[in-house]
Amino acid sequence: MSKPVILSGMQPTGDGKLHLGNLEGALKNLVSMQDDYQIYLCIVDWHALTADYDKTQGLKKRILEEAMDYLSSGLDPEKCAIFVQSLVKEHAELHLLLSMITPLEWLRRVPSYKEKKDELGLDSYGFLGYPLLQAADILIYKAEFVPVGKDQIPHIEVTREIARKFNLIYGNVFPEPQAKLSKYPTILGTDGRKMSKSYGNDITIADSQEITAQKVSKMYTDPKKIHKKDAGHPDKCPVFLLHKIYTPQMDTERVHTDCISGKWGCVECKKKLIENMNEALAPIRKKRRELEKNIDYVENVLYSGSDKARVRAQETMKEVRGAMGMMESKIHRDGR
């Protein structure tokens, strides 16, 4: 019996290094599933170009940085395909074919389009078509599940609508994927907003112990807890959210109690968090430093993963072309 398929992808933006929101919201979840699911993990470099089309210098380095974070988090290239989107050209072909049946209004109503259009000043076709390319990424592997945060659920809904319309017109080719939320779908950054490279409020997997300490010590906390002995509200504090992840449960309960009672101030709270975070992240960071000395291995993982992904993508595209009544090229027909 074949394993259910999962597709997940992240953009190599900024310096390419992933943050704790990516680690806790996605990567650890994928690590826990890699024995039971067939996972395609895509570094979506074409998606990154929708906003960073003029910042392509260093793109390869950013791709490698992201790949090192995947591998150091525990993802095994023997169990899942870790690959680069642009190395599997079939994504672009399916994106083009799906664009023929997708109404513009479906794309315009995606919340992230409305928000980022004004916030980032983006108004290109590629930006508008971002959810459609994402749909192609998912459907080309016939993924049944897509791990996402709550803000990405509308993208999955668009993908389901596109799959449904394609199947109605051409026959049942694509499954309708389901969103799969992680245990921690949203991790707050140092300023209290969602952790994001674009906000500059992130703590990266690759950060040293010293940089981690600096970032945590400056974190936004409970604005109503002005003095140490004031009663705190830990459930609304981003520092306590990280305690729930990196501090043992019994100690977390004590942090919660001592914050509410005013026994513990924010300085002590942050110091304990820094200690626990650095201890928990130490094995991942050690492995990452080892990978930094073996870039050839990281590149080979990406090329091998792209080859694996391409096999699946070509199979799907052969089925898509057949369903649409298109002529097969000799290359496609012979499977080369």
Protein backbone atom coordinates (compact mmCIF):
# COMPACT_ATOMS: atom_id res chain seq x y z
CA MET A 1 0.00 0.00 0.00
CA SER A 2 1.45 3.37 -1.04
CA LYS A 3 1.98 6.08 1.55
CA PRO A 4 -0.15 9.24 1.44
CA VAL A 5 1.64 12.16 -0.21
CA ILE A 6 2.58 15.47 1.44
CA LEU A 7 3.89 18.55 -0.35
CA SER A 8 5.54 21.35 1.58
CA GLY A 9 7.52 24.33 0.35
CA MET A 10 9.35 27.38 1.69
CA GLN A 11 10.85 30.42 -0.02
CA PRO A 12 14.60 31.14 0.00
CA THR A 13 14.12 34.81 0.86
CA GLY A 14 16.23 37.19 2.95
CA ASP A 15 19.49 35.39 3.69
CA GLY A 16 17.83 32.00 3.15
CA LYS A 17 18.12 30.95 6.77
CA LEU A 18 14.92 29.59 8.31
CA HIS A 19 13.66 30.73 11.70
CA LEU A 20 12.10 29.06 14.71
CA GLY A 21 8.62 29.63 13.32
CA ASN A 22 9.60 27.46 10.34
CA LEU A 23 11.24 24.89 12.62
CA GLU A 24 8.38 24.54 15.11
CA GLY A 25 5.53 25.27 12.71
CA ALA A 26 6.64 23.01 9.86
CA LEU A 27 9.97 21.19 9.94
CA LYS A 28 9.54 19.26 13.20
CA ASN A 29 6.09 18.22 12.03
CA LEU A 30 7.54 16.92 8.76
CA VAL A 31 10.33 15.07 10.58
CA SER A 32 7.72 13.27 12.67
CA MET A 33 5.80 12.23 9.53
CA GLN A 34 8.59 11.18 7.18
CA ASP A 35 8.29 7.47 8.01
CA ASP A 36 4.55 7.36 7.38
CA TYR A 37 4.15 9.73 4.43
CA GLN A 38 5.76 10.24 1.06
CA ILE A 39 7.07 13.79 1.45
CA TYR A 40 8.09 16.20 -1.30
CA LEU A 41 9.84 19.18 0.28
CA CYS A 42 10.31 21.98 -2.21
CA ILE A 43 12.55 25.05 -2.01
CA VAL A 44 10.28 27.38 -3.99
CA ASP A 45 12.73 29.73 -5.68
CA TRP A 46 10.23 30.81 -8.35
CA HIS A 47 7.86 31.94 -5.60
CA ALA A 48 10.65 33.99 -4.04
CA LEU A 49 10.94 35.94 -7.28
CA THR A 50 7.41 37.33 -6.95
CA ALA A 51 8.75 39.84 -4.41
CA ASP A 52 12.53 39.55 -4.85
CA TYR A 53 12.73 39.54 -8.66
CA ASP A 54 15.42 42.25 -8.44
CA LYS A 55 17.41 40.47 -5.71
CA THR A 56 18.56 37.32 -7.50
CA GLN A 57 22.23 37.79 -6.68
CA GLY A 58 23.05 35.19 -4.05
CA LEU A 59 19.90 33.14 -4.76
CA LYS A 60 21.87 29.88 -4.96
CA LYS A 61 23.45 30.58 -1.57
CA ARG A 62 20.02 31.22 -0.08
CA ILE A 63 18.78 27.92 -1.50
CA LEU A 64 21.69 26.08 0.10
CA GLU A 65 21.12 27.84 3.44
CA GLU A 66 17.52 26.67 3.44
CA ALA A 67 18.53 23.14 2.50
CA MET A 68 20.97 23.01 5.42
CA ASP A 69 18.16 23.97 7.79
CA TYR A 70 15.99 21.17 6.38
CA LEU A 71 18.74 18.61 6.88
CA SER A 72 19.89 19.82 10.30
CA SER A 73 16.31 19.68 11.59
CA GLY A 74 16.28 15.91 10.99
CA LEU A 75 14.75 15.52 7.54
CA ASP A 76 16.28 12.47 5.86
CA PRO A 77 16.88 12.72 2.07
CA GLU A 78 16.55 8.93 1.89
CA LYS A 79 12.97 9.22 3.18
CA CYS A 80 11.79 12.39 1.46
CA ALA A 81 12.60 14.32 -1.71
CA ILE A 82 14.26 17.64 -0.85
CA PHE A 83 14.42 19.59 -4.10
CA VAL A 84 14.48 22.93 -5.90
CA GLN A 85 11.30 24.07 -7.63
CA SER A 86 13.02 25.52 -10.71
CA LEU A 87 14.88 22.26 -11.36
CA VAL A 88 11.55 20.53 -12.03
CA LYS A 89 10.25 22.40 -15.08
CA GLU A 90 6.95 20.50 -15.06
CA HIS A 91 5.76 22.87 -12.31
CA ALA A 92 5.81 25.71 -14.84
CA GLU A 93 3.96 23.66 -17.48
CA LEU A 94 1.15 22.71 -15.11
CA HIS A 95 0.96 26.30 -13.88
CA LEU A 96 0.44 27.44 -17.48
CA LEU A 97 -2.25 24.84 -18.19
CA LEU A 98 -4.12 25.59 -14.95
CA SER A 99 -4.05 29.30 -15.78
CA MET A 100 -6.36 28.57 -18.71
CA ILE A 101 -9.20 27.47 -16.42
CA THR A 102 -8.66 29.67 -13.34
CA PRO A 103 -10.81 32.83 -13.04
CA LEU A 104 -8.88 35.95 -12.02
CA GLU A 105 -11.37 36.59 -9.24
CA TRP A 106 -10.28 33.37 -7.50
CA LEU A 107 -6.76 34.79 -7.28
CA ARG A 108 -7.75 38.33 -6.33
CA ARG A 109 -9.80 37.18 -3.35
CA VAL A 110 -6.87 35.40 -1.61
CA PRO A 111 -6.27 37.49 1.55
CA SER A 112 -2.48 37.57 1.21
CA TYR A 113 -2.82 39.13 -2.26
CA LYS A 114 -4.93 41.98 -0.92
CA GLU A 115 -2.63 42.54 2.07
CA LYS A 116 0.75 42.35 0.32
CA LYS A 117 -0.35 44.21 -2.80
CA ASP A 118 -0.51 47.43 -0.81
CA GLU A 119 2.02 46.58 1.89
CA LEU A 120 4.81 45.58 -0.52
CA GLY A 121 3.68 47.55 -3.56
CA LEU A 122 3.46 44.44 -5.73
CA ASP A 123 1.18 44.24 -8.74
CA SER A 124 2.78 41.86 -11.26
CA TYR A 125 1.20 38.89 -13.01
CA GLY A 126 3.59 36.61 -11.13
CA PHE A 127 2.43 38.02 -7.80
CA LEU A 128 -1.24 37.69 -8.71
CA GLY A 129 -0.58 34.14 -9.93
CA TYR A 130 1.29 33.09 -6.80
CA PRO A 131 -1.62 30.93 -5.51
CA LEU A 132 -1.93 29.31 -8.94
CA LEU A 133 1.76 28.35 -9.04
CA GLN A 134 1.35 27.06 -5.50
CA ALA A 135 -1.60 24.97 -6.69
CA ALA A 136 0.58 23.53 -9.45
CA ASP A 137 3.28 22.70 -6.86
CA ILE A 138 0.74 20.74 -4.84
CA LEU A 139 -1.26 19.08 -7.59
CA ILE A 140 1.68 17.91 -9.69
CA TYR A 141 2.56 15.47 -6.88
CA LYS A 142 -1.10 14.62 -6.24
CA ALA A 143 -0.52 15.61 -2.64
CA GLU A 144 -3.29 14.64 -0.25
CA PHE A 145 -2.03 16.85 2.59
CA VAL A 146 -0.25 20.20 2.78
CA PRO A 147 1.18 21.38 6.14
CA VAL A 148 0.38 25.09 6.45
CA GLY A 149 -0.21 27.86 8.94
CA LYS A 150 -3.70 29.28 9.39
CA ASP A 151 -2.90 32.18 7.06
CA GLN A 152 -2.26 29.75 4.19
CA ILE A 153 -5.60 27.91 4.40
CA PRO A 154 -7.20 30.19 1.72
CA HIS A 155 -4.42 29.11 -0.67
CA ILE A 156 -5.32 25.47 -0.11
CA GLU A 157 -8.98 26.25 -0.71
CA VAL A 158 -8.09 27.83 -4.07
CA THR A 159 -6.07 24.72 -4.93
CA ARG A 160 -9.05 22.52 -4.10
CA GLU A 161 -11.31 24.65 -6.32
CA ILE A 162 -8.86 24.47 -9.21
CA ALA A 163 -8.51 20.69 -8.85
CA ARG A 164 -12.30 20.35 -8.74
CA LYS A 165 -12.76 22.43 -11.89
CA PHE A 166 -10.03 20.55 -13.78
CA ASN A 167 -11.57 17.20 -12.82
CA LEU A 168 -15.01 18.39 -13.88
CA ILE A 169 -13.78 19.43 -17.33
CA TYR A 170 -11.18 16.77 -18.12
CA GLY A 171 -11.87 13.81 -15.83
CA ASN A 172 -10.74 12.77 -12.38
CA VAL A 173 -6.99 13.44 -12.33
CA PHE A 174 -6.25 15.35 -9.12
CA PRO A 175 -7.16 14.63 -5.49
CA GLU A 176 -8.38 17.64 -3.49
CA PRO A 177 -5.64 18.31 -0.92
CA GLN A 178 -6.34 18.91 2.75
CA ALA A 179 -4.61 21.51 4.93
CA LYS A 180 -2.66 19.95 7.79
CA LEU A 181 -2.10 22.33 10.71
CA SER A 182 0.90 21.81 12.97
CA LYS A 183 0.91 21.83 16.77
CA TYR A 184 2.28 25.39 16.67
CA PRO A 185 0.76 26.96 13.53
CA THR A 186 1.90 30.46 14.56
CA ILE A 187 5.09 31.39 16.41
CA LEU A 188 5.38 35.01 17.55
CA GLY A 189 8.54 36.98 16.87
CA THR A 190 10.55 39.30 19.08
CA ASP A 191 8.11 42.19 18.49
CA GLY A 192 4.95 40.20 19.28
CA ARG A 193 3.90 39.83 15.64
CA LYS A 194 4.06 36.58 13.68
CA MET A 195 7.71 35.56 13.32
CA SER A 196 8.82 36.54 9.83
CA LYS A 197 12.03 37.43 8.03
CA SER A 198 10.23 40.32 6.36
CA TYR A 199 9.43 41.84 9.79
CA GLY A 200 13.00 41.41 11.04
CA ASN A 201 11.65 39.85 14.24
CA ASP A 202 12.96 36.33 13.74
CA ILE A 203 15.34 34.05 15.62
CA THR A 204 16.99 31.75 13.09
CA ILE A 205 17.97 28.12 13.43
CA ALA A 206 21.53 29.11 12.54
CA ASP A 207 21.83 31.88 15.17
CA SER A 208 24.62 31.43 17.70
CA GLN A 209 23.89 31.13 21.41
CA GLU A 210 25.03 34.73 21.85
CA ILE A 211 22.80 36.13 19.10
CA THR A 212 19.87 34.10 20.43
CA ALA A 213 20.45 35.60 23.89
CA GLN A 214 20.57 39.12 22.45
CA LYS A 215 17.33 38.67 20.52
CA VAL A 216 15.41 37.05 23.38
CA SER A 217 16.58 39.69 25.88
CA LYS A 218 15.00 42.38 23.66
CA MET A 219 11.72 40.51 23.14
CA TYR A 220 8.36 42.19 23.51
CA THR A 221 6.61 41.03 26.68
CA ASP A 222 3.39 41.69 28.56
CA PRO A 223 2.82 45.50 28.31
CA LYS A 224 0.74 45.44 31.51
CA LYS A 225 3.58 43.98 33.59
CA ILE A 226 5.56 47.18 34.14
CA HIS A 227 7.22 46.24 37.45
CA LYS A 228 8.60 42.90 38.54
CA LYS A 229 5.93 42.35 41.20
CA ASP A 230 3.03 43.24 38.90
CA ALA A 231 0.72 40.37 37.98
CA GLY A 232 1.60 39.09 34.51
CA HIS A 233 -0.48 37.64 31.69
CA PRO A 234 1.77 34.87 30.32
CA ASP A 235 -0.79 33.39 27.93
CA LYS A 236 -0.61 36.61 25.89
CA CYS A 237 3.18 36.90 26.04
CA PRO A 238 5.40 35.67 23.15
CA VAL A 239 8.16 34.81 25.63
CA PHE A 240 5.89 32.36 27.44
CA LEU A 241 4.81 30.83 24.13
CA LEU A 242 8.46 29.94 23.53
CA HIS A 243 8.69 28.58 27.09
CA LYS A 244 5.85 26.18 26.20
CA ILE A 245 8.03 24.87 23.38
CA TYR A 246 11.52 24.85 24.89
CA THR A 247 10.99 24.55 28.64
CA PRO A 248 10.07 21.22 30.30
CA GLN A 249 6.39 21.09 31.26
CA MET A 250 6.88 21.17 35.05
CA ASP A 251 9.14 24.21 34.75
CA THR A 252 6.69 25.84 32.33
CA GLU A 253 3.93 25.55 34.90
CA ARG A 254 6.17 27.23 37.46
CA VAL A 255 7.02 30.03 35.03
CA HIS A 256 3.29 30.54 34.44
CA THR A 257 2.47 30.62 38.16
CA ASP A 258 5.38 32.87 39.14
CA CYS A 259 4.57 35.33 36.35
CA ILE A 260 0.93 35.64 37.37
CA SER A 261 1.79 36.02 41.05
CA GLY A 262 4.44 38.66 40.40
CA LYS A 263 7.15 36.48 41.94
CA TRP A 264 9.10 36.42 38.67
CA GLY A 265 10.02 39.38 36.49
CA CYS A 266 10.57 39.44 32.73
CA VAL A 267 14.36 39.50 33.06
CA GLU A 268 14.47 36.20 34.99
CA CYS A 269 11.87 34.75 32.62
CA LYS A 270 13.95 35.58 29.56
CA LYS A 271 17.19 34.29 31.10
CA LYS A 272 15.58 30.91 31.74
CA LEU A 273 14.17 30.82 28.23
CA ILE A 274 17.58 31.62 26.69
CA GLU A 275 19.16 28.77 28.64
CA ASN A 276 16.49 26.26 27.62
CA MET A 277 16.34 27.38 23.97
CA ASN A 278 20.08 27.13 23.46
CA GLU A 279 20.16 23.71 25.08
CA ALA A 280 17.29 22.41 22.92
CA LEU A 281 18.71 23.84 19.69
CA ALA A 282 22.31 22.76 20.30
CA PRO A 283 22.11 19.40 18.41
CA ILE A 284 20.45 21.01 15.38
CA ARG A 285 23.00 23.81 15.28
CA LYS A 286 25.89 21.37 15.63
CA LYS A 287 24.65 19.38 12.64
CA ARG A 288 24.19 22.58 10.67
CA ARG A 289 27.79 23.64 11.29
CA GLU A 290 28.91 20.24 9.97
CA LEU A 291 26.82 20.72 6.82
CA GLU A 292 28.35 24.15 6.26
CA LYS A 293 31.70 22.36 5.80
CA ASN A 294 30.23 19.94 3.24
CA ILE A 295 28.35 22.04 0.69
CA ASP A 296 28.97 19.46 -2.05
CA TYR A 297 26.85 16.99 -0.08
CA VAL A 298 24.05 19.55 0.31
CA GLU A 299 24.06 20.27 -3.43
CA ASN A 300 23.96 16.55 -4.23
CA VAL A 301 20.95 16.13 -1.93
CA LEU A 302 19.12 18.83 -3.91
CA TYR A 303 20.00 17.38 -7.32
CA SER A 304 19.05 13.87 -6.22
CA GLY A 305 15.81 15.11 -4.66
CA SER A 306 14.96 17.05 -7.82
CA ASP A 307 15.47 13.89 -9.88
CA LYS A 308 13.07 11.99 -7.59
CA ALA A 309 10.50 14.78 -7.75
CA ARG A 310 10.79 15.02 -11.55
CA VAL A 311 9.83 11.36 -11.97
CA ARG A 312 6.57 11.91 -10.09
CA ALA A 313 5.93 15.23 -11.85
CA GLN A 314 6.45 13.72 -15.30
CA GLU A 315 4.02 10.91 -14.53
CA THR A 316 1.36 13.44 -13.54
CA MET A 317 1.96 15.64 -16.58
CA LYS A 318 1.65 12.67 -18.92
CA GLU A 319 -1.76 12.01 -17.36
CA VAL A 320 -2.71 15.70 -17.56
CA ARG A 321 -1.77 15.96 -21.24
CA GLY A 322 -3.72 12.80 -21.99
CA ALA A 323 -6.79 14.08 -20.14
CA MET A 324 -6.61 17.39 -22.06
CA GLY A 325 -6.19 15.64 -25.41
CA MET A 326 -2.79 17.19 -26.05
CA MET A 327 -0.16 15.69 -28.33
CA GLU A 328 2.81 14.10 -26.60
CA SER A 329 6.30 15.11 -27.68
CA LYS A 330 8.75 12.31 -28.39
CA ILE A 331 10.64 13.20 -25.20
CA HIS A 332 7.45 13.01 -23.09
CA ARG A 333 6.26 9.87 -24.87
CA ASP A 334 9.53 8.03 -24.28
CA GLY A 335 9.76 9.28 -20.71
CA ARG A 336 13.16 10.99 -21.09
